[in-house]
Amino acid sequence: MNSNTWLVVGLGNPGPGYSRNRHNIGQMVLDDLAARAGGNFKTHKSRAQILEGRLGIGGPRVILAKPLTYMNLSGGPVSALSKFFDIPAEHVVAVHDEIDIPFNTIKLKSGGGEGGHNGLRDMSRALGTKDYLRVRVGVGRPPGRMDTADYVLKDFPPVEAKELPFLIGDAADAVELLLTEGLTAAQQKFHSAAS
């Protein structure tokens, strides 16, 4: 197994119609990380766009990946990339939207349940384990009785859109810290910032 390389996956839906949806925050974070790595995504046979590079000077080798499948079919490309690059599940990081934490909040965890998130559920099924890392980017709960699916498939409203670049940047920082200093260090920084 290749324990020196990380697979960082931004969950979302393909195509421009979804690109600014709450559900696509993971892919927005990956675009930020790609800019930091100084590279461009290329289409890979695993049905994902990938970028191979390093985060930071002397940082770890990473494969940044954006599945080209719809959210609830994210597992296939992730599993294929994990096998292709020989990356163990504990070196797979899912960056995704999370309705159970407030907008502008970032939480990190390893393993656990999927909280009704279809992209995570499909990843767990395809990888055969829930023991991968998650960078959970808060998008808040739907107001009133609004359907969760309708909520996450909407773009961020103007007041949140103004804050979005900062949230994306913070989430990208969280990924970098997770890879360079570990889960505990990243949790201490980002969980204390939220409280």
C-alpha atoms as a PDB file:
ATOM      1  CA  MET A   1       0.000   0.000   0.000  1.00  0.00           C
ATOM      2  CA  ASN A   2       1.112   3.525  -0.799  1.00  0.00           C
ATOM      3  CA  SER A   3       1.020   5.183   2.622  1.00  0.00           C
ATOM      4  CA  ASN A   4       2.925   8.294   1.445  1.00  0.00           C
ATOM      5  CA  THR A   5       0.136   9.426  -0.868  1.00  0.00           C
ATOM      6  CA  TRP A   6      -3.285  10.839  -0.040  1.00  0.00           C
ATOM      7  CA  LEU A   7      -6.454  10.709  -2.103  1.00  0.00           C
ATOM      8  CA  VAL A   8      -8.547  13.831  -1.462  1.00  0.00           C
ATOM      9  CA  VAL A   9     -12.019  13.647  -3.006  1.00  0.00           C
ATOM     10  CA  GLY A  10     -14.360  16.601  -3.450  1.00  0.00           C
ATOM     11  CA  LEU A  11     -17.934  15.355  -3.539  1.00  0.00           C
ATOM     12  CA  GLY A  12     -20.505  16.994  -5.785  1.00  0.00           C
ATOM     13  CA  ASN A  13     -22.481  16.670  -8.995  1.00  0.00           C
ATOM     14  CA  PRO A  14     -20.997  17.115 -12.478  1.00  0.00           C
ATOM     15  CA  GLY A  15     -21.822  19.933 -14.852  1.00  0.00           C
ATOM     16  CA  PRO A  16     -22.164  23.718 -14.676  1.00  0.00           C
ATOM     17  CA  GLY A  17     -25.798  23.610 -13.503  1.00  0.00           C
ATOM     18  CA  TYR A  18     -24.690  22.186 -10.152  1.00  0.00           C
ATOM     19  CA  SER A  19     -21.330  23.915  -9.751  1.00  0.00           C
ATOM     20  CA  ARG A  20     -22.431  26.558  -7.218  1.00  0.00           C
ATOM     21  CA  ASN A  21     -24.903  24.351  -5.276  1.00  0.00           C
ATOM     22  CA  ARG A  22     -24.432  23.727  -1.564  1.00  0.00           C
ATOM     23  CA  HIS A  23     -23.987  20.041  -2.443  1.00  0.00           C
ATOM     24  CA  ASN A  24     -20.883  20.955  -4.488  1.00  0.00           C
ATOM     25  CA  ILE A  25     -18.908  22.711  -1.751  1.00  0.00           C
ATOM     26  CA  GLY A  26     -16.486  19.740  -1.719  1.00  0.00           C
ATOM     27  CA  GLN A  27     -15.608  20.318  -5.360  1.00  0.00           C
ATOM     28  CA  MET A  28     -15.209  24.069  -4.749  1.00  0.00           C
ATOM     29  CA  VAL A  29     -12.657  23.253  -2.036  1.00  0.00           C
ATOM     30  CA  LEU A  30     -10.804  20.940  -4.450  1.00  0.00           C
ATOM     31  CA  ASP A  31     -10.595  23.778  -6.998  1.00  0.00           C
ATOM     32  CA  ASP A  32      -8.946  25.916  -4.303  1.00  0.00           C
ATOM     33  CA  LEU A  33      -6.486  23.117  -3.467  1.00  0.00           C
ATOM     34  CA  ALA A  34      -5.705  22.649  -7.179  1.00  0.00           C
ATOM     35  CA  ALA A  35      -4.868  26.355  -7.462  1.00  0.00           C
ATOM     36  CA  ARG A  36      -2.521  26.001  -4.471  1.00  0.00           C
ATOM     37  CA  ALA A  37      -0.863  22.955  -6.034  1.00  0.00           C
ATOM     38  CA  GLY A  38      -0.429  24.929  -9.246  1.00  0.00           C
ATOM     39  CA  GLY A  39      -1.988  22.378 -11.556  1.00  0.00           C
ATOM     40  CA  ASN A  40      -5.029  21.562 -13.640  1.00  0.00           C
ATOM     41  CA  PHE A  41      -7.451  18.668 -13.433  1.00  0.00           C
ATOM     42  CA  LYS A  42      -7.241  16.003 -16.134  1.00  0.00           C
ATOM     43  CA  THR A  43      -9.815  13.335 -16.892  1.00  0.00           C
ATOM     44  CA  HIS A  44      -8.818   9.904 -15.582  1.00  0.00           C
ATOM     45  CA  LYS A  45     -10.169   6.502 -16.664  1.00  0.00           C
ATOM     46  CA  SER A  46     -11.710   6.096 -13.184  1.00  0.00           C
ATOM     47  CA  ARG A  47     -14.528   8.518 -14.192  1.00  0.00           C
ATOM     48  CA  ALA A  48     -13.014  11.384 -12.241  1.00  0.00           C
ATOM     49  CA  GLN A  49     -11.004  14.498 -12.882  1.00  0.00           C
ATOM     50  CA  ILE A  50      -7.705  14.279 -11.040  1.00  0.00           C
ATOM     51  CA  LEU A  51      -4.653  16.352 -10.292  1.00  0.00           C
ATOM     52  CA  GLU A  52      -1.456  14.784  -8.967  1.00  0.00           C
ATOM     53  CA  GLY A  53       0.765  17.103  -6.986  1.00  0.00           C
ATOM     54  CA  ARG A  54       2.014  18.237  -3.602  1.00  0.00           C
ATOM     55  CA  LEU A  55       0.410  20.531  -1.063  1.00  0.00           C
ATOM     56  CA  GLY A  56       2.874  23.069   0.266  1.00  0.00           C
ATOM     57  CA  ILE A  57       6.653  23.020  -0.018  1.00  0.00           C
ATOM     58  CA  GLY A  58       7.809  19.505   0.728  1.00  0.00           C
ATOM     59  CA  GLY A  59       4.229  18.571   1.559  1.00  0.00           C
ATOM     60  CA  PRO A  60       2.725  15.144   1.024  1.00  0.00           C
ATOM     61  CA  ARG A  61       1.935  13.754  -2.408  1.00  0.00           C
ATOM     62  CA  VAL A  62      -1.764  14.065  -3.140  1.00  0.00           C
ATOM     63  CA  ILE A  63      -4.225  12.959  -5.735  1.00  0.00           C
ATOM     64  CA  LEU A  64      -7.022  15.541  -5.834  1.00  0.00           C
ATOM     65  CA  ALA A  65     -10.146  14.018  -7.358  1.00  0.00           C
ATOM     66  CA  LYS A  66     -13.571  15.222  -8.470  1.00  0.00           C
ATOM     67  CA  PRO A  67     -15.830  12.320  -9.487  1.00  0.00           C
ATOM     68  CA  LEU A  68     -17.616  12.824 -12.814  1.00  0.00           C
ATOM     69  CA  THR A  69     -20.548  10.719 -11.597  1.00  0.00           C
ATOM     70  CA  TYR A  70     -23.543  12.066  -9.707  1.00  0.00           C
ATOM     71  CA  MET A  71     -23.180  12.399  -5.950  1.00  0.00           C
ATOM     72  CA  ASN A  72     -24.957   9.154  -5.056  1.00  0.00           C
ATOM     73  CA  LEU A  73     -22.570   7.225  -7.356  1.00  0.00           C
ATOM     74  CA  SER A  74     -19.340   8.725  -5.980  1.00  0.00           C
ATOM     75  CA  GLY A  75     -18.077   5.416  -4.619  1.00  0.00           C
ATOM     76  CA  GLY A  76     -17.116   3.813  -7.945  1.00  0.00           C
ATOM     77  CA  PRO A  77     -14.595   6.485  -8.984  1.00  0.00           C
ATOM     78  CA  VAL A  78     -13.199   6.749  -5.440  1.00  0.00           C
ATOM     79  CA  SER A  79     -12.708   2.994  -5.136  1.00  0.00           C
ATOM     80  CA  ALA A  80     -11.149   2.829  -8.630  1.00  0.00           C
ATOM     81  CA  LEU A  81      -8.679   5.613  -7.774  1.00  0.00           C
ATOM     82  CA  SER A  82      -7.845   4.024  -4.425  1.00  0.00           C
ATOM     83  CA  LYS A  83      -6.990   0.770  -6.235  1.00  0.00           C
ATOM     84  CA  PHE A  84      -5.195   2.443  -9.163  1.00  0.00           C
ATOM     85  CA  PHE A  85      -2.873   4.469  -6.908  1.00  0.00           C
ATOM     86  CA  ASP A  86      -2.773   1.752  -4.189  1.00  0.00           C
ATOM     87  CA  ILE A  87      -3.980   4.143  -1.487  1.00  0.00           C
ATOM     88  CA  PRO A  88      -5.413   2.640   1.734  1.00  0.00           C
ATOM     89  CA  ALA A  89      -8.821   3.836   2.981  1.00  0.00           C
ATOM     90  CA  GLU A  90      -7.239   5.607   5.966  1.00  0.00           C
ATOM     91  CA  HIS A  91      -5.466   7.885   3.445  1.00  0.00           C
ATOM     92  CA  VAL A  92      -8.700   8.774   1.648  1.00  0.00           C
ATOM     93  CA  VAL A  93     -10.229  12.155   2.554  1.00  0.00           C
ATOM     94  CA  ALA A  94     -13.802  13.064   1.550  1.00  0.00           C
ATOM     95  CA  VAL A  95     -14.550  16.805   1.447  1.00  0.00           C
ATOM     96  CA  HIS A  96     -18.307  17.282   1.540  1.00  0.00           C
ATOM     97  CA  ASP A  97     -21.281  19.438   2.462  1.00  0.00           C
ATOM     98  CA  GLU A  98     -22.764  18.844   5.911  1.00  0.00           C
ATOM     99  CA  ILE A  99     -26.248  20.026   6.889  1.00  0.00           C
ATOM    100  CA  ASP A 100     -25.811  19.017  10.530  1.00  0.00           C
ATOM    101  CA  ILE A 101     -23.354  21.834  11.227  1.00  0.00           C
ATOM    102  CA  PRO A 102     -23.934  25.572  10.696  1.00  0.00           C
ATOM    103  CA  PHE A 103     -22.824  27.437   7.595  1.00  0.00           C
ATOM    104  CA  ASN A 104     -19.253  28.717   7.908  1.00  0.00           C
ATOM    105  CA  THR A 105     -18.226  25.836  10.206  1.00  0.00           C
ATOM    106  CA  ILE A 106     -15.730  23.064   9.455  1.00  0.00           C
ATOM    107  CA  LYS A 107     -15.459  19.781  11.334  1.00  0.00           C
ATOM    108  CA  LEU A 108     -13.142  16.859  10.720  1.00  0.00           C
ATOM    109  CA  LYS A 109     -13.539  13.228  11.667  1.00  0.00           C
ATOM    110  CA  SER A 110     -12.424   9.719  10.872  1.00  0.00           C
ATOM    111  CA  GLY A 111     -15.014   7.049  10.173  1.00  0.00           C
ATOM    112  CA  GLY A 112     -18.482   7.023  11.678  1.00  0.00           C
ATOM    113  CA  GLY A 113     -21.891   7.176  10.058  1.00  0.00           C
ATOM    114  CA  GLU A 114     -22.879   8.971   6.884  1.00  0.00           C
ATOM    115  CA  GLY A 115     -25.720  11.037   8.379  1.00  0.00           C
ATOM    116  CA  GLY A 116     -27.985  10.397   5.393  1.00  0.00           C
ATOM    117  CA  HIS A 117     -25.351  11.713   2.940  1.00  0.00           C
ATOM    118  CA  ASN A 118     -25.727   9.602  -0.211  1.00  0.00           C
ATOM    119  CA  GLY A 119     -22.244  10.396  -1.519  1.00  0.00           C
ATOM    120  CA  LEU A 120     -20.635   9.170   1.705  1.00  0.00           C
ATOM    121  CA  ARG A 121     -22.903   6.129   1.823  1.00  0.00           C
ATOM    122  CA  ASP A 122     -21.828   5.124  -1.686  1.00  0.00           C
ATOM    123  CA  MET A 123     -18.156   5.728  -0.829  1.00  0.00           C
ATOM    124  CA  SER A 124     -18.399   3.527   2.263  1.00  0.00           C
ATOM    125  CA  ARG A 125     -20.071   0.777   0.237  1.00  0.00           C
ATOM    126  CA  ALA A 126     -17.505   0.918  -2.582  1.00  0.00           C
ATOM    127  CA  LEU A 127     -14.469   1.123  -0.292  1.00  0.00           C
ATOM    128  CA  GLY A 128     -15.860  -1.623   1.954  1.00  0.00           C
ATOM    129  CA  THR A 129     -15.229   0.504   5.049  1.00  0.00           C
ATOM    130  CA  LYS A 130     -16.307   3.715   6.774  1.00  0.00           C
ATOM    131  CA  ASP A 131     -12.766   4.254   8.070  1.00  0.00           C
ATOM    132  CA  TYR A 132     -11.742   7.142   5.851  1.00  0.00           C
ATOM    133  CA  LEU A 133     -11.347  10.793   6.806  1.00  0.00           C
ATOM    134  CA  ARG A 134     -13.988  13.456   6.304  1.00  0.00           C
ATOM    135  CA  VAL A 135     -13.701  17.227   6.093  1.00  0.00           C
ATOM    136  CA  ARG A 136     -17.280  18.325   6.769  1.00  0.00           C
ATOM    137  CA  VAL A 137     -18.102  21.792   5.457  1.00  0.00           C
ATOM    138  CA  GLY A 138     -21.180  23.227   7.134  1.00  0.00           C
ATOM    139  CA  VAL A 139     -24.029  24.431   4.925  1.00  0.00           C
ATOM    140  CA  GLY A 140     -26.685  24.601   7.679  1.00  0.00           C
ATOM    141  CA  ARG A 141     -30.105  22.980   7.846  1.00  0.00           C
ATOM    142  CA  PRO A 142     -32.960  23.648   5.442  1.00  0.00           C
ATOM    143  CA  PRO A 143     -35.397  26.266   6.724  1.00  0.00           C
ATOM    144  CA  GLY A 144     -38.877  25.228   7.846  1.00  0.00           C
ATOM    145  CA  ARG A 145     -40.132  22.150   6.067  1.00  0.00           C
ATOM    146  CA  MET A 146     -37.980  22.529   2.978  1.00  0.00           C
ATOM    147  CA  ASP A 147     -36.890  19.174   1.560  1.00  0.00           C
ATOM    148  CA  THR A 148     -33.223  18.446   2.268  1.00  0.00           C
ATOM    149  CA  ALA A 149     -32.523  17.434  -1.349  1.00  0.00           C
ATOM    150  CA  ASP A 150     -34.048  20.685  -2.645  1.00  0.00           C
ATOM    151  CA  TYR A 151     -31.979  22.655  -0.133  1.00  0.00           C
ATOM    152  CA  VAL A 152     -28.584  21.156  -0.973  1.00  0.00           C
ATOM    153  CA  LEU A 153     -29.259  21.431  -4.721  1.00  0.00           C
ATOM    154  CA  LYS A 154     -29.727  25.207  -4.461  1.00  0.00           C
ATOM    155  CA  ASP A 155     -26.972  27.785  -4.829  1.00  0.00           C
ATOM    156  CA  PHE A 156     -25.818  29.663  -1.754  1.00  0.00           C
ATOM    157  CA  PRO A 157     -27.939  32.795  -1.181  1.00  0.00           C
ATOM    158  CA  PRO A 158     -26.207  36.200  -1.656  1.00  0.00           C
ATOM    159  CA  VAL A 159     -25.437  36.764   2.035  1.00  0.00           C
ATOM    160  CA  GLU A 160     -23.694  33.369   2.273  1.00  0.00           C
ATOM    161  CA  ALA A 161     -22.122  33.691  -1.186  1.00  0.00           C
ATOM    162  CA  LYS A 162     -20.167  36.703   0.113  1.00  0.00           C
ATOM    163  CA  GLU A 163     -18.653  34.526   2.866  1.00  0.00           C
ATOM    164  CA  LEU A 164     -18.152  31.507   0.620  1.00  0.00           C
ATOM    165  CA  PRO A 165     -14.567  32.264  -0.539  1.00  0.00           C
ATOM    166  CA  PHE A 166     -13.465  32.439   3.117  1.00  0.00           C
ATOM    167  CA  LEU A 167     -15.224  29.164   3.968  1.00  0.00           C
ATOM    168  CA  ILE A 168     -13.675  27.438   0.938  1.00  0.00           C
ATOM    169  CA  GLY A 169     -10.232  28.770   1.886  1.00  0.00           C
ATOM    170  CA  ASP A 170     -10.628  27.609   5.481  1.00  0.00           C
ATOM    171  CA  ALA A 171     -11.741  24.147   4.347  1.00  0.00           C
ATOM    172  CA  ALA A 172      -8.714  23.919   2.028  1.00  0.00           C
ATOM    173  CA  ASP A 173      -6.513  24.952   4.988  1.00  0.00           C
ATOM    174  CA  ALA A 174      -8.163  22.179   7.031  1.00  0.00           C
ATOM    175  CA  VAL A 175      -7.295  19.603   4.361  1.00  0.00           C
ATOM    176  CA  GLU A 176      -3.666  20.794   4.262  1.00  0.00           C
ATOM    177  CA  LEU A 177      -3.356  20.687   8.060  1.00  0.00           C
ATOM    178  CA  LEU A 178      -4.967  17.241   8.171  1.00  0.00           C
ATOM    179  CA  LEU A 179      -2.428  15.878   5.682  1.00  0.00           C
ATOM    180  CA  THR A 180       0.647  17.556   7.161  1.00  0.00           C
ATOM    181  CA  GLU A 181      -0.005  17.483  10.915  1.00  0.00           C
ATOM    182  CA  GLY A 182      -2.744  14.891  11.406  1.00  0.00           C
ATOM    183  CA  LEU A 183      -6.382  14.697  12.431  1.00  0.00           C
ATOM    184  CA  THR A 184      -5.963  15.808  16.047  1.00  0.00           C
ATOM    185  CA  ALA A 185      -4.069  19.000  15.129  1.00  0.00           C
ATOM    186  CA  ALA A 186      -6.635  19.875  12.458  1.00  0.00           C
ATOM    187  CA  GLN A 187      -9.542  19.206  14.834  1.00  0.00           C
ATOM    188  CA  GLN A 188      -7.977  21.350  17.560  1.00  0.00           C
ATOM    189  CA  LYS A 189      -7.588  24.270  15.193  1.00  0.00           C
ATOM    190  CA  PHE A 190     -10.899  24.127  13.350  1.00  0.00           C
ATOM    191  CA  HIS A 191     -13.190  22.813  16.087  1.00  0.00           C
ATOM    192  CA  SER A 192     -12.060  25.476  18.554  1.00  0.00           C
ATOM    193  CA  ALA A 193     -12.582  28.144  15.870  1.00  0.00           C
ATOM    194  CA  ALA A 194     -16.206  27.026  15.562  1.00  0.00           C
ATOM    195  CA  SER A 195     -17.084  27.314  19.220  1.00  0.00           C
END
